[in-house]
């Protein structure tokens, strides 16, 4: 029986959509609420290596604009520190199923995870 790990925040619409998607297919979910527990550096690195930092960032989101990042030049290490403090900067949810990863609300990628 496979399970998925969902990194997100409870009040995120996309995170809830992912939870619903996997629950409807009776897939075991391990939910990590990033407001309560930040991602481990190794877990973040796994997504960074696959997608790169720009793909992980929600540059259109309220958290990004509120943090003033639209006009700031920030190093990758500084950005990782900001992400740890404010998971809203990420394109949530981040999902891991075995070695398959997805970012954001991506039902096609989720279906591939289950294939």
Foldseek 3Di string as FASTA:
>chain_A
DWAKEKEEAPPDPLSVVVVVVCVVVVHHYHYDHLQVPNDDPVVVVLVCVVPNDVQFFPCVDPVNVVVVVVPDDDDPVRVVVVCSNPVSRTQDIWMDIPSQIDGHNDVVSVVVSVD
